[in-house]
Amino acid sequence: MNLILQGAGPLSAAAIELLARHARAKAVEPINTHAVRLRGAQPFDDLAQQCRDAGLDYAFMPEGLKLTDMKVFITDMDSTLINIECIDEI
């Protein structure tokens, strides 16, 4: 599996190195200044907390599949895609 890491700004090399080591990634492939692909990564217990601490979003993708291959994007809106709770506003 590949682990995709993405941040709101340029990624910290130290954070990427730490996550790559913990995920036992075979290679780190830059996607752009805000995202990297960790090839051959393995899930580990502290992944969510480390990504949260580094301000990163993450997702596992099967080998050979790219983000551009995705046709549908589904997410929870409230405080995820937007900064407010929609139900409170309604």
Protein backbone atom coordinates (compact mmCIF):
# COMPACT_ATOMS: atom_id res chain seq x y z
CA MET A 1 0.00 0.00 0.00
CA ASN A 2 0.98 3.60 -0.48
CA LEU A 3 0.43 6.16 2.26
CA ILE A 4 -0.46 9.61 0.94
CA LEU A 5 0.35 12.52 3.28
CA GLN A 6 -0.92 16.01 2.59
CA GLY A 7 -0.69 19.28 4.50
CA ALA A 8 -2.08 22.79 4.14
CA GLY A 9 1.42 24.16 3.54
CA PRO A 10 4.86 22.86 2.61
CA LEU A 11 5.61 19.58 4.37
CA SER A 12 8.18 19.24 7.13
CA ALA A 13 11.03 16.97 6.03
CA ALA A 14 11.48 15.82 9.65
CA ALA A 15 7.80 14.82 9.98
CA ILE A 16 7.88 12.95 6.66
CA GLU A 17 11.09 11.14 7.61
CA LEU A 18 9.62 10.09 10.98
CA LEU A 19 6.36 8.84 9.44
CA ALA A 20 8.22 7.02 6.65
CA ARG A 21 10.42 5.26 9.20
CA HIS A 22 7.47 4.24 11.42
CA ALA A 23 5.45 3.04 8.39
CA ARG A 24 8.49 1.11 7.10
CA ALA A 25 8.05 2.81 3.73
CA LYS A 26 10.26 1.60 0.89
CA ALA A 27 10.47 5.04 -0.75
CA VAL A 28 9.28 8.62 -0.37
CA GLU A 29 7.90 10.12 -3.59
CA PRO A 30 7.06 13.84 -3.64
CA ILE A 31 3.72 14.65 -5.29
CA ASN A 32 4.04 18.42 -4.84
CA THR A 33 5.17 20.80 -2.06
CA HIS A 34 2.07 19.90 -0.01
CA ALA A 35 1.94 16.11 -0.51
CA VAL A 36 4.07 12.97 -0.63
CA ARG A 37 3.49 9.30 -1.36
CA LEU A 38 5.15 6.76 0.95
CA ARG A 39 5.53 3.64 -1.18
CA GLY A 40 5.12 0.26 0.47
CA ALA A 41 3.97 1.78 3.77
CA GLN A 42 2.49 -0.28 6.59
CA PRO A 43 -0.17 0.94 9.04
CA PHE A 44 1.06 1.48 12.62
CA ASP A 45 -0.68 2.20 15.92
CA ASP A 46 0.30 5.85 16.34
CA LEU A 47 -0.26 6.95 12.72
CA ALA A 48 -3.40 9.04 13.29
CA GLN A 49 -1.91 10.87 16.28
CA GLN A 50 1.41 11.57 14.55
CA CYS A 51 -0.38 12.94 11.48
CA ARG A 52 -2.64 15.06 13.67
CA ASP A 53 0.40 16.43 15.56
CA ALA A 54 2.12 17.28 12.26
CA GLY A 55 -1.04 18.85 10.79
CA LEU A 56 -1.27 16.24 8.02
CA ASP A 57 -4.14 14.42 6.37
CA TYR A 58 -3.43 10.83 5.34
CA ALA A 59 -4.91 8.02 3.29
CA PHE A 60 -3.79 4.56 2.20
CA MET A 61 -4.02 3.88 -1.54
CA PRO A 62 -3.43 0.57 -3.32
CA GLU A 63 -0.21 0.30 -5.33
CA GLY A 64 -0.61 1.55 -8.88
CA LEU A 65 -3.61 3.76 -8.06
CA LYS A 66 -3.17 7.54 -8.18
CA LEU A 67 -5.29 10.31 -6.71
CA THR A 68 -6.20 11.35 -10.27
CA ASP A 69 -7.79 7.89 -10.75
CA MET A 70 -10.45 8.74 -8.14
CA LYS A 71 -13.84 9.68 -9.59
CA VAL A 72 -15.81 10.40 -6.39
CA PHE A 73 -14.77 12.30 -3.27
CA ILE A 74 -16.86 11.73 -0.15
CA THR A 75 -16.24 13.54 3.13
CA ASP A 76 -17.94 14.76 6.24
CA MET A 77 -18.46 18.51 5.72
CA ASP A 78 -18.79 19.85 9.25
CA SER A 79 -15.40 21.06 10.50
CA THR A 80 -13.70 18.78 7.97
CA LEU A 81 -14.12 20.34 4.56
CA ILE A 82 -15.39 23.65 5.94
CA ASN A 83 -14.66 25.45 9.22
CA ILE A 84 -18.18 25.58 10.65
CA GLU A 85 -20.83 23.18 11.92
CA CYS A 86 -23.60 23.41 9.30
CA ILE A 87 -26.35 22.06 11.56
CA ASP A 88 -25.61 24.84 14.10
CA GLU A 89 -25.85 27.44 11.35
CA ILE A 90 -29.16 26.11 9.99
